[in-house]
Amino acid sequence: MHSRLFKSDRSDCKQWSRKPILPNVSEMLGYCLICVPFLCYLQTHTEQRLSVCSKLCFAIGGAPIQVAGSATAFFLQIYLLDISPVPASVVLFVGKAWGAVTDPVVGFFITKSRWTKIGRLMPWMVGCTPFLVVSYFYLWFVPPFTSGRDIWYLGFYCLYQTLITCFHVPYSALTMFLSTDQRERDSATAYRMTFEVLGTLVGAAIQGQIVASAHTLKHCPHPNVSAGHLGNGSRAEVIKSLAATQDFLSHSKPIPFHKGFVLVMKHGPYLTLTAAFLFISVAIQLVQSNFVLFCTYAVDLRDHFQNIVLTILMSAVVSIPFWQWFLQRFGKKTAAFCGITWMMPFTVMLVLIPNTVVAYMVAVSSGLSVAASLLLPWSMLPDVVDDFRLANPFSKGHEAIFYSFYVFFTKFAAGISLGVSTLCLQFAGYNTGACRQPPPVVYTLKLLIGAAPVAFIITGLMILLLYPISEDVRLRNKLALDELRLTSL
């Protein structure tokens, strides 16, 4: 029985085909249909102690959108650079910025949503999914005109970002209400991250071949420039399909949205955690969006790119259970430092010693860091919400604010970094469809893969040192919340 705090309602660009990449959409639809039965199950099987089946039902919802997210995160930049005269930097920046702005807007409307038989969050996820598939379909469609392509791609990219937000915010907020047990929530998050990385693995293995057949540079000695360019969906943009569970938001009348927002923005642990992972997510985004260009033009690894991406993802899948054990044994803050720091020396090594052996070593080590960067923030955020609940026991229903603004800040920063990096490449003299790029472009790519991510990671880890919720504090908060629930029965 839950307390009132936790009441439940359970040219050369012509080489691009003018046909959309239909198998991508088919995969998304198929995954979504698979997820629907799990919805019915979890509506009647939500307990404080989660079974393995319940965790699987929740986690499987993260895979479908991750397949699409890996495509946009890894491949959209080079796609738009090759579809001239589309201003790629403008489309990417405006689209990302728009997606960031929609996060708090969607969070606001979620808090104002009416209750239904399937809760307050589930209608958002179910309702936006068909439109999300359509917007993704046309994002990869090359229209038969050139003068208005910039409007076409900008419009559908903004629509795609909006619909992703309509799914991501409620889905991520559901983690908070799966159980009142912190260990159960952490375990469910580990299951979710595993399925999300598996989703990107499917994208790298299948969609990469589809795109490779559509985008070929026949005059170049290496035709498979973009094979497998649909790899990692780590960022953090997550995007996510039908999550099967039921939201536990309180039926009591919440305080006004603006007052809740002010309270959340004044909560020190939340600001520290968000700022730290903001810089870390920018570093991951820089590597993710520029890695294929780096392998193609800066180092002679274009024939190995897809295998490198698969190695990164397989390493991430295997290491997620390890990081789940590590954070329980040594604490989440320690796990964040150990996992994310591990990436820096190997990234620099790839820039300085660009050969095949080093590349695969970097892939394995990067997989460890990717897994940590995926798992840790979503595992630490519920602890921040618990700390907020204890500090503000009569302020309820702000979970959507926590999750939506966390995504807003990280997505906005990633959008700026992506737009600026693309603009730097264009200023350096990037030649669309060329087999080789001028030295300034190569030098810029090395900076975007090596020095810049390392600087952002160091900044993020320095901020994370100020994060106040240690394992002792987390345990005290848990005991205090348990006592509060008992007294409110």
Protein backbone atom coordinates (compact mmCIF):
# COMPACT_ATOMS: atom_id res chain seq x y z
CA MET A 1 0.00 0.00 0.00
CA HIS A 2 1.39 3.37 -1.01
CA SER A 3 1.13 6.61 0.85
CA ARG A 4 -0.49 9.71 -0.48
CA LEU A 5 2.88 10.76 -1.82
CA PHE A 6 2.78 7.76 -4.14
CA LYS A 7 -0.85 7.14 -4.99
CA SER A 8 -1.15 5.11 -8.16
CA ASP A 9 -3.45 5.26 -11.16
CA ARG A 10 -1.71 2.54 -12.69
CA SER A 11 24.25 14.73 -56.19
CA ASP A 12 26.86 12.79 -56.07
CA CYS A 13 24.03 13.77 -53.88
CA LYS A 14 21.93 12.25 -56.65
CA GLN A 15 23.25 8.96 -55.41
CA TRP A 16 20.76 9.32 -52.61
CA SER A 17 17.62 7.50 -53.58
CA ARG A 18 14.48 9.58 -53.85
CA LYS A 19 12.62 6.84 -52.11
CA PRO A 20 12.38 6.91 -48.35
CA ILE A 21 14.21 4.25 -46.44
CA LEU A 22 11.14 2.07 -46.00
CA PRO A 23 12.72 -0.72 -43.92
CA ASN A 24 13.47 1.86 -41.21
CA VAL A 25 9.79 2.70 -40.92
CA SER A 26 8.81 -0.94 -41.07
CA GLU A 27 11.15 -1.71 -38.20
CA MET A 28 9.64 1.05 -36.11
CA LEU A 29 6.09 -0.11 -36.81
CA GLY A 30 6.99 -3.70 -36.09
CA TYR A 31 8.61 -2.82 -32.78
CA CYS A 32 5.64 -0.69 -31.80
CA LEU A 33 3.21 -3.54 -32.50
CA ILE A 34 5.37 -5.85 -30.41
CA CYS A 35 5.28 -3.41 -27.50
CA VAL A 36 1.48 -3.08 -27.39
CA PRO A 37 0.75 -6.38 -25.57
CA PHE A 38 3.17 -5.45 -22.80
CA LEU A 39 1.06 -2.38 -22.10
CA CYS A 40 -1.88 -4.53 -21.08
CA TYR A 41 0.32 -6.68 -18.88
CA LEU A 42 1.90 -3.93 -16.83
CA GLN A 43 -1.40 -2.17 -16.28
CA THR A 44 -2.28 -4.99 -13.92
CA HIS A 45 1.17 -6.08 -12.71
CA THR A 46 2.76 -3.02 -11.12
CA GLU A 47 4.22 -3.75 -7.71
CA GLN A 48 6.81 -2.23 -5.43
CA ARG A 49 9.02 -5.30 -5.98
CA LEU A 50 9.33 -5.61 -9.76
CA SER A 51 9.54 -8.99 -11.42
CA VAL A 52 11.94 -9.66 -14.28
CA CYS A 53 8.96 -9.78 -16.63
CA SER A 54 7.81 -6.33 -15.50
CA LYS A 55 11.28 -4.87 -16.04
CA LEU A 56 11.44 -6.41 -19.49
CA CYS A 57 8.03 -5.02 -20.37
CA PHE A 58 9.16 -1.55 -19.38
CA ALA A 59 12.58 -1.80 -21.02
CA ILE A 60 11.43 -3.10 -24.39
CA GLY A 61 9.73 0.23 -25.05
CA GLY A 62 13.13 1.91 -25.34
CA ALA A 63 14.32 -0.11 -28.34
CA PRO A 64 12.10 1.01 -31.28
CA ILE A 65 12.69 4.75 -31.11
CA GLN A 66 16.38 4.12 -30.48
CA VAL A 67 16.64 2.53 -33.93
CA ALA A 68 15.37 5.77 -35.45
CA GLY A 69 17.35 7.90 -33.02
CA SER A 70 20.60 6.23 -34.05
CA ALA A 71 19.93 7.15 -37.68
CA THR A 72 19.31 10.83 -37.01
CA ALA A 73 22.09 11.17 -34.45
CA PHE A 74 24.78 9.50 -36.54
CA PHE A 75 23.70 9.94 -40.13
CA LEU A 76 21.64 13.10 -40.57
CA GLN A 77 24.65 15.43 -40.62
CA ILE A 78 26.45 13.82 -43.56
CA TYR A 79 23.09 13.25 -45.28
CA LEU A 80 22.24 16.95 -45.20
CA LEU A 81 25.79 17.95 -46.18
CA ASP A 82 25.38 15.86 -49.34
CA ILE A 83 21.89 17.13 -50.17
CA SER A 84 22.85 20.62 -51.31
CA PRO A 85 21.65 23.38 -51.23
CA VAL A 86 20.28 22.51 -47.80
CA PRO A 87 22.11 24.54 -45.10
CA ALA A 88 22.91 21.60 -42.85
CA SER A 89 24.12 23.67 -39.90
CA VAL A 90 20.89 25.70 -39.84
CA VAL A 91 18.65 22.65 -40.06
CA LEU A 92 20.52 20.77 -37.35
CA PHE A 93 20.78 23.68 -34.95
CA VAL A 94 17.22 24.95 -35.36
CA GLY A 95 15.84 21.42 -35.19
CA LYS A 96 17.74 20.59 -32.02
CA ALA A 97 16.90 23.93 -30.44
CA TRP A 98 13.24 23.43 -31.32
CA GLY A 99 13.32 19.98 -29.79
CA ALA A 100 14.86 21.40 -26.63
CA VAL A 101 12.18 24.08 -26.33
CA THR A 102 9.39 21.57 -26.73
CA ASP A 103 10.56 19.54 -23.72
CA PRO A 104 9.37 21.95 -21.00
CA VAL A 105 6.29 22.79 -23.08
CA VAL A 106 5.31 19.13 -23.25
CA GLY A 107 6.13 18.78 -19.56
CA PHE A 108 3.74 21.63 -18.81
CA PHE A 109 0.89 20.11 -20.82
CA ILE A 110 1.47 16.71 -19.23
CA THR A 111 1.00 18.17 -15.78
CA LYS A 112 -2.28 19.69 -17.04
CA SER A 113 -3.51 16.50 -18.69
CA ARG A 114 -6.66 14.79 -17.53
CA TRP A 115 -6.65 11.34 -16.04
CA THR A 116 -7.81 8.45 -18.20
CA LYS A 117 -8.31 4.74 -17.68
CA ILE A 118 -4.71 4.15 -18.74
CA GLY A 119 -3.31 7.00 -16.65
CA ARG A 120 -2.07 10.45 -17.52
CA LEU A 121 1.19 9.61 -19.34
CA MET A 122 0.24 6.65 -21.49
CA PRO A 123 -2.11 8.55 -23.87
CA TRP A 124 0.80 10.81 -24.86
CA MET A 125 2.97 7.86 -25.86
CA VAL A 126 0.26 5.97 -27.67
CA GLY A 127 -1.10 9.04 -29.44
CA CYS A 128 2.18 10.42 -30.81
CA THR A 129 3.62 7.15 -32.14
CA PRO A 130 1.81 6.98 -35.55
CA PHE A 131 2.66 10.61 -36.33
CA LEU A 132 6.25 10.02 -35.24
CA VAL A 133 6.58 7.22 -37.79
CA VAL A 134 5.24 9.48 -40.57
CA SER A 135 7.57 12.36 -39.72
CA TYR A 136 10.56 10.01 -39.63
CA PHE A 137 9.49 8.59 -43.01
CA TYR A 138 9.58 11.99 -44.73
CA LEU A 139 12.74 13.12 -42.95
CA TRP A 140 14.68 10.63 -45.10
CA PHE A 141 12.69 11.28 -48.29
CA VAL A 142 14.46 13.32 -51.00
CA PRO A 143 11.78 15.54 -52.62
CA PRO A 144 11.80 16.00 -56.42
CA PHE A 145 12.55 19.73 -56.08
CA THR A 146 15.63 21.62 -54.88
CA SER A 147 14.54 25.20 -54.16
CA GLY A 148 12.48 24.32 -51.12
CA ARG A 149 14.45 21.45 -49.63
CA ASP A 150 15.66 23.55 -46.73
CA ILE A 151 12.06 24.19 -45.66
CA TRP A 152 11.19 20.54 -46.21
CA TYR A 153 13.93 19.14 -44.00
CA LEU A 154 13.68 21.85 -41.39
CA GLY A 155 9.93 21.36 -41.10
CA PHE A 156 10.01 17.58 -40.80
CA TYR A 157 13.04 17.63 -38.48
CA CYS A 158 11.25 20.02 -36.13
CA LEU A 159 8.10 17.89 -36.31
CA TYR A 160 10.15 14.78 -35.59
CA GLN A 161 11.81 16.44 -32.60
CA THR A 162 8.44 17.53 -31.25
CA LEU A 163 6.93 14.06 -31.49
CA ILE A 164 10.03 12.45 -30.00
CA THR A 165 9.61 14.78 -27.05
CA CYS A 166 5.94 13.84 -26.69
CA PHE A 167 7.07 10.26 -26.22
CA HIS A 168 10.34 10.74 -24.38
CA VAL A 169 9.19 12.95 -21.53
CA PRO A 170 6.35 10.71 -20.28
CA TYR A 171 8.32 7.54 -20.91
CA SER A 172 11.36 8.69 -18.95
CA ALA A 173 9.17 10.04 -16.15
CA LEU A 174 7.60 6.59 -15.74
CA THR A 175 10.83 5.34 -14.19
CA MET A 176 10.06 7.34 -11.09
CA PHE A 177 6.80 5.49 -10.53
CA LEU A 178 7.69 1.91 -11.26
CA SER A 179 8.52 1.32 -7.62
CA THR A 180 9.32 3.17 -4.42
CA ASP A 181 12.39 0.95 -3.99
CA GLN A 182 15.54 2.70 -5.26
CA ARG A 183 17.25 -0.57 -6.15
CA GLU A 184 14.26 -1.68 -8.20
CA ARG A 185 14.25 1.59 -10.14
CA ASP A 186 18.00 1.30 -10.77
CA SER A 187 17.55 -2.26 -11.97
CA ALA A 188 14.70 -1.26 -14.30
CA THR A 189 16.89 1.53 -15.69
CA ALA A 190 19.67 -0.98 -16.41
CA TYR A 191 17.19 -3.19 -18.27
CA ARG A 192 15.99 -0.16 -20.23
CA MET A 193 19.50 0.93 -21.21
CA THR A 194 20.35 -2.61 -22.35
CA PHE A 195 17.38 -2.69 -24.69
CA GLU A 196 18.13 0.77 -25.99
CA VAL A 197 21.69 -0.21 -26.90
CA LEU A 198 20.33 -3.37 -28.50
CA GLY A 199 18.07 -1.12 -30.56
CA THR A 200 21.05 0.84 -31.82
CA LEU A 201 22.81 -2.44 -32.54
CA VAL A 202 19.92 -3.44 -34.79
CA GLY A 203 20.14 -0.06 -36.49
CA ALA A 204 23.87 -0.45 -37.08
CA ALA A 205 23.58 -3.99 -38.40
CA ILE A 206 20.53 -3.54 -40.66
CA GLN A 207 19.93 0.09 -41.47
CA GLY A 208 23.58 0.74 -42.22
CA GLN A 209 23.41 -1.69 -45.13
CA ILE A 210 20.26 -0.01 -46.44
CA VAL A 211 21.85 3.42 -46.40
CA ALA A 212 25.07 2.07 -47.92
CA SER A 213 23.09 0.85 -50.93
CA ALA A 214 21.42 4.24 -51.31
CA HIS A 215 24.48 6.46 -50.88
CA THR A 216 27.45 5.49 -53.04
CA LEU A 217 30.35 7.49 -54.43
CA LYS A 218 31.08 5.43 -57.53
CA HIS A 219 33.99 7.62 -58.63
CA CYS A 220 35.78 7.04 -55.32
CA PRO A 221 37.97 3.98 -54.68
CA HIS A 222 36.04 3.17 -51.50
CA PRO A 223 32.30 3.02 -52.27
CA ASN A 224 31.14 2.11 -48.82
CA VAL A 225 31.65 5.58 -47.34
CA SER A 226 28.57 5.59 -45.20
CA ALA A 227 27.92 1.96 -44.46
CA GLY A 228 26.82 1.41 -40.94
CA HIS A 229 26.41 5.09 -40.25
CA LEU A 230 23.48 4.39 -38.04
CA GLY A 231 25.26 3.33 -34.93
CA ASN A 232 25.05 4.70 -31.47
CA GLY A 233 21.93 6.16 -29.92
CA SER A 234 23.56 7.18 -26.76
CA ARG A 235 22.30 10.48 -25.90
CA ALA A 236 21.31 11.06 -25.15
CA GLU A 237 18.14 12.02 -27.44
CA VAL A 238 16.49 9.78 -26.72
CA ILE A 239 13.88 8.73 -28.09
CA LYS A 240 11.78 5.82 -27.20
CA SER A 241 8.71 3.81 -28.20
CA LEU A 242 5.74 2.31 -26.41
CA ALA A 243 6.73 1.81 -22.80
CA ALA A 244 4.55 -0.64 -21.07
CA THR A 245 3.65 0.49 -17.65
CA GLN A 246 1.23 2.65 -15.73
CA ASP A 247 2.03 6.03 -14.22
CA PHE A 248 1.76 6.57 -10.51
CA LEU A 249 1.13 10.31 -10.37
CA SER A 250 -0.83 11.67 -7.49
CA HIS A 251 -4.47 12.57 -7.98
CA SER A 252 -4.17 15.40 -5.50
CA LYS A 253 -4.30 18.87 -7.00
CA PRO A 254 -0.72 20.00 -7.72
CA ILE A 255 0.59 23.48 -7.12
CA PRO A 256 0.76 25.76 -10.20
CA PHE A 257 3.33 24.84 -12.83
CA HIS A 258 5.37 28.04 -12.48
CA LYS A 259 5.72 27.59 -8.73
CA GLY A 260 6.79 23.98 -9.19
CA PHE A 261 9.29 25.09 -11.83
CA VAL A 262 10.81 27.64 -9.46
CA LEU A 263 11.13 25.02 -6.72
CA VAL A 264 12.79 22.54 -9.08
CA MET A 265 15.22 25.16 -10.43
CA LYS A 266 16.22 26.07 -6.89
CA HIS A 267 17.07 22.48 -6.00
CA GLY A 268 20.88 22.34 -5.90
CA PRO A 269 21.44 18.61 -6.60
CA TYR A 270 19.26 18.83 -9.72
CA LEU A 271 21.17 21.81 -11.11
CA THR A 272 24.52 20.16 -10.41
CA LEU A 273 23.55 16.85 -12.01
CA THR A 274 22.04 18.55 -15.05
CA ALA A 275 25.03 20.84 -15.59
CA ALA A 276 27.52 17.96 -15.26
CA PHE A 277 25.82 15.68 -17.73
CA LEU A 278 25.08 18.61 -20.04
CA PHE A 279 28.80 18.93 -20.75
CA ILE A 280 29.27 15.17 -20.90
CA SER A 281 26.40 14.76 -23.37
CA VAL A 282 27.86 17.52 -25.56
CA ALA A 283 31.13 15.54 -25.70
CA ILE A 284 29.31 12.34 -26.67
CA GLN A 285 27.29 14.23 -29.30
CA LEU A 286 30.43 15.70 -30.87
CA VAL A 287 32.02 12.28 -31.22
CA GLN A 288 28.80 10.66 -32.37
CA SER A 289 27.92 13.14 -35.11
CA ASN A 290 31.45 13.55 -36.52
CA PHE A 291 32.83 10.04 -36.18
CA VAL A 292 31.87 8.84 -39.66
CA LEU A 293 33.43 11.93 -41.27
CA PHE A 294 36.53 11.42 -39.15
CA CYS A 295 36.88 7.79 -40.22
CA THR A 296 36.25 8.68 -43.86
CA TYR A 297 38.44 11.75 -44.35
CA ALA A 298 40.83 12.13 -41.39
CA VAL A 299 42.00 8.53 -41.08
CA ASP A 300 41.94 5.62 -43.49
CA LEU A 301 39.27 3.61 -41.67
CA ARG A 302 36.26 3.93 -43.97
CA ASP A 303 36.22 0.19 -44.68
CA HIS A 304 36.14 -0.58 -40.96
CA PHE A 305 33.58 1.96 -39.84
CA GLN A 306 30.58 -0.33 -39.52
CA ASN A 307 32.56 -2.96 -37.65
CA ILE A 308 33.92 -0.32 -35.29
CA VAL A 309 30.41 0.90 -34.53
CA LEU A 310 29.18 -2.65 -33.92
CA THR A 311 32.13 -3.23 -31.59
CA ILE A 312 31.26 -0.10 -29.61
CA LEU A 313 27.65 -1.17 -29.24
CA MET A 314 28.39 -4.77 -28.34
CA SER A 315 30.87 -3.56 -25.74
CA ALA A 316 28.20 -1.24 -24.35
CA VAL A 317 25.59 -4.02 -24.18
CA VAL A 318 27.95 -6.35 -22.37
CA SER A 319 29.15 -3.70 -19.92
CA ILE A 320 25.77 -2.36 -18.75
CA PRO A 321 25.31 -5.21 -16.22
CA PHE A 322 28.85 -4.54 -15.03
CA TRP A 323 28.10 -0.86 -14.39
CA GLN A 324 24.86 -1.78 -12.66
CA TRP A 325 26.85 -3.99 -10.28
CA PHE A 326 29.57 -1.33 -9.94
CA LEU A 327 27.19 1.46 -8.96
CA GLN A 328 25.56 -0.74 -6.34
CA ARG A 329 28.92 -1.77 -4.93
CA PHE A 330 30.83 1.54 -5.06
CA GLY A 331 28.15 4.18 -5.58
CA LYS A 332 26.74 6.06 -8.55
CA LYS A 333 29.04 9.05 -8.34
CA THR A 334 32.14 6.86 -8.33
CA ALA A 335 30.73 4.84 -11.23
CA ALA A 336 30.17 8.03 -13.24
CA PHE A 337 33.77 9.16 -12.74
CA CYS A 338 35.30 5.78 -13.52
CA GLY A 339 33.10 5.06 -16.52
CA ILE A 340 33.21 8.38 -18.30
CA THR A 341 36.88 9.17 -17.60
CA TRP A 342 37.80 5.89 -19.28
CA MET A 343 36.90 7.34 -22.70
CA MET A 344 39.29 10.29 -22.77
CA PRO A 345 42.75 8.71 -23.23
CA PHE A 346 41.53 6.29 -25.88
CA THR A 347 39.83 9.02 -27.92
CA VAL A 348 43.05 11.04 -27.97
CA MET A 349 44.97 7.88 -28.87
CA LEU A 350 42.79 7.36 -31.96
CA VAL A 351 43.56 10.89 -33.18
CA LEU A 352 47.31 10.56 -32.57
CA ILE A 353 47.75 6.91 -33.65
CA PRO A 354 45.15 6.27 -36.36
CA ASN A 355 45.48 2.58 -37.22
CA THR A 356 43.12 -0.37 -37.24
CA VAL A 357 44.31 -2.04 -34.04
CA VAL A 358 44.05 1.18 -32.05
CA ALA A 359 40.63 1.83 -33.56
CA TYR A 360 39.21 -1.44 -32.24
CA MET A 361 40.84 -0.88 -28.84
CA VAL A 362 39.15 2.52 -28.75
CA ALA A 363 35.87 0.90 -29.77
CA VAL A 364 35.90 -1.53 -26.87
CA SER A 365 36.86 1.13 -24.32
CA SER A 366 34.38 3.61 -25.75
CA GLY A 367 31.62 1.06 -25.34
CA LEU A 368 32.32 0.99 -21.62
CA SER A 369 32.00 4.76 -21.41
CA VAL A 370 28.91 4.85 -23.62
CA ALA A 371 27.19 2.39 -21.31
CA ALA A 372 28.10 4.45 -18.26
CA SER A 373 26.95 7.72 -19.86
CA LEU A 374 23.62 6.08 -20.74
CA LEU A 375 22.96 4.40 -17.43
CA LEU A 376 24.24 6.81 -14.80
CA PRO A 377 22.23 10.02 -15.38
CA TRP A 378 18.92 8.17 -15.60
CA SER A 379 19.83 6.20 -12.51
CA MET A 380 20.83 9.30 -10.53
CA LEU A 381 17.88 11.48 -11.52
CA PRO A 382 15.33 9.50 -9.44
CA ASP A 383 17.56 10.03 -6.41
CA VAL A 384 17.39 13.79 -7.03
CA VAL A 385 13.59 13.58 -7.22
CA ASP A 386 13.51 11.67 -3.93
CA ASP A 387 15.71 14.32 -2.34
CA PHE A 388 13.34 17.01 -3.63
CA ARG A 389 10.32 15.17 -2.24
CA LEU A 390 11.91 14.99 1.15
CA ALA A 391 12.78 18.70 1.11
CA ASN A 392 9.31 19.64 -0.21
CA PRO A 393 6.90 17.01 1.13
CA PHE A 394 3.76 18.96 0.20
CA SER A 395 4.85 19.79 -3.35
CA LYS A 396 3.69 16.94 -5.57
CA GLY A 397 3.46 15.98 -9.23
CA HIS A 398 6.64 17.64 -10.52
CA GLU A 399 8.28 14.56 -12.03
CA ALA A 400 7.56 15.73 -15.58
CA ILE A 401 9.31 19.04 -14.81
CA PHE A 402 12.44 17.26 -13.61
CA TYR A 403 12.68 15.02 -16.65
CA SER A 404 11.55 17.50 -19.31
CA PHE A 405 13.93 20.28 -18.25
CA TYR A 406 16.82 17.85 -17.86
CA VAL A 407 16.28 16.80 -21.48
CA PHE A 408 15.76 20.44 -22.48
CA PHE A 409 19.13 21.60 -21.18
CA THR A 410 21.12 18.63 -22.51
CA LYS A 411 19.35 18.67 -25.89
CA PHE A 412 19.76 22.42 -26.33
CA ALA A 413 23.48 22.22 -25.57
CA ALA A 414 23.87 19.26 -27.93
CA GLY A 415 22.02 21.21 -30.64
CA ILE A 416 24.38 24.15 -30.29
CA SER A 417 27.43 21.89 -30.43
CA LEU A 418 26.10 20.02 -33.46
CA GLY A 419 25.27 23.22 -35.34
CA VAL A 420 28.59 24.83 -34.49
CA SER A 421 30.60 21.74 -35.47
CA THR A 422 28.80 21.51 -38.82
CA LEU A 423 29.36 25.22 -39.39
CA CYS A 424 33.07 24.80 -38.60
CA LEU A 425 33.33 22.08 -41.22
CA GLN A 426 31.66 24.30 -43.79
CA PHE A 427 33.93 27.24 -42.95
CA ALA A 428 36.95 24.93 -43.18
CA GLY A 429 35.99 24.18 -46.79
CA TYR A 430 34.03 20.93 -46.69
CA ASN A 431 33.43 19.75 -50.29
CA THR A 432 30.16 17.92 -50.84
CA GLY A 433 30.68 14.50 -52.42
CA ALA A 434 34.46 14.79 -52.60
CA CYS A 435 36.66 11.73 -52.12
CA ARG A 436 39.18 13.79 -50.15
CA GLN A 437 38.79 16.90 -48.05
CA PRO A 438 41.27 19.79 -47.73
CA PRO A 439 43.68 19.80 -44.76
CA PRO A 440 41.68 22.39 -42.76
CA VAL A 441 38.69 20.03 -42.76
CA VAL A 442 40.86 17.11 -41.60
CA TYR A 443 42.34 19.25 -38.82
CA THR A 444 38.87 20.39 -37.75
CA LEU A 445 37.64 16.80 -37.59
CA LYS A 446 40.57 15.83 -35.36
CA LEU A 447 39.73 18.67 -32.99
CA LEU A 448 36.04 17.69 -32.93
CA ILE A 449 36.88 14.06 -32.12
CA GLY A 450 39.82 14.58 -29.76
CA ALA A 451 40.44 17.88 -27.98
CA ALA A 452 36.89 19.24 -27.82
CA PRO A 453 35.20 16.17 -26.25
CA VAL A 454 38.00 15.80 -23.70
CA ALA A 455 37.60 19.43 -22.63
CA PHE A 456 33.83 19.02 -22.23
CA ILE A 457 34.17 15.77 -20.29
CA ILE A 458 36.69 17.29 -17.86
CA THR A 459 34.38 20.26 -17.30
CA GLY A 460 31.43 17.97 -16.64
CA LEU A 461 33.35 15.80 -14.19
CA MET A 462 34.60 18.87 -12.30
CA ILE A 463 30.99 19.97 -11.85
CA LEU A 464 29.99 16.46 -10.81
CA LEU A 465 32.43 16.72 -7.91
CA LEU A 466 29.93 19.16 -6.37
CA TYR A 467 27.04 16.67 -6.59
CA PRO A 468 25.92 16.30 -2.97
CA ILE A 469 23.94 13.02 -2.99
CA SER A 470 26.44 10.43 -1.89
CA GLU A 471 25.50 6.86 -1.03
CA ASP A 472 25.11 7.81 2.64
CA VAL A 473 22.78 10.67 1.75
CA ARG A 474 20.81 8.42 -0.59
CA LEU A 475 20.35 5.84 2.14
CA ARG A 476 19.22 8.47 4.65
CA ASN A 477 16.73 9.82 2.13
CA LYS A 478 15.35 6.35 1.52
CA LEU A 479 14.84 5.72 5.22
CA ALA A 480 13.24 9.12 5.71
CA LEU A 481 10.84 8.60 2.81
CA ASP A 482 9.90 5.15 4.08
CA GLU A 483 9.11 6.63 7.47
CA LEU A 484 7.10 9.41 5.84
CA ARG A 485 5.03 6.87 3.93
CA LEU A 486 4.30 4.91 7.08
CA THR A 487 3.18 7.95 9.00
CA SER A 488 0.89 9.05 6.16
CA LEU A 489 -0.95 5.72 5.91
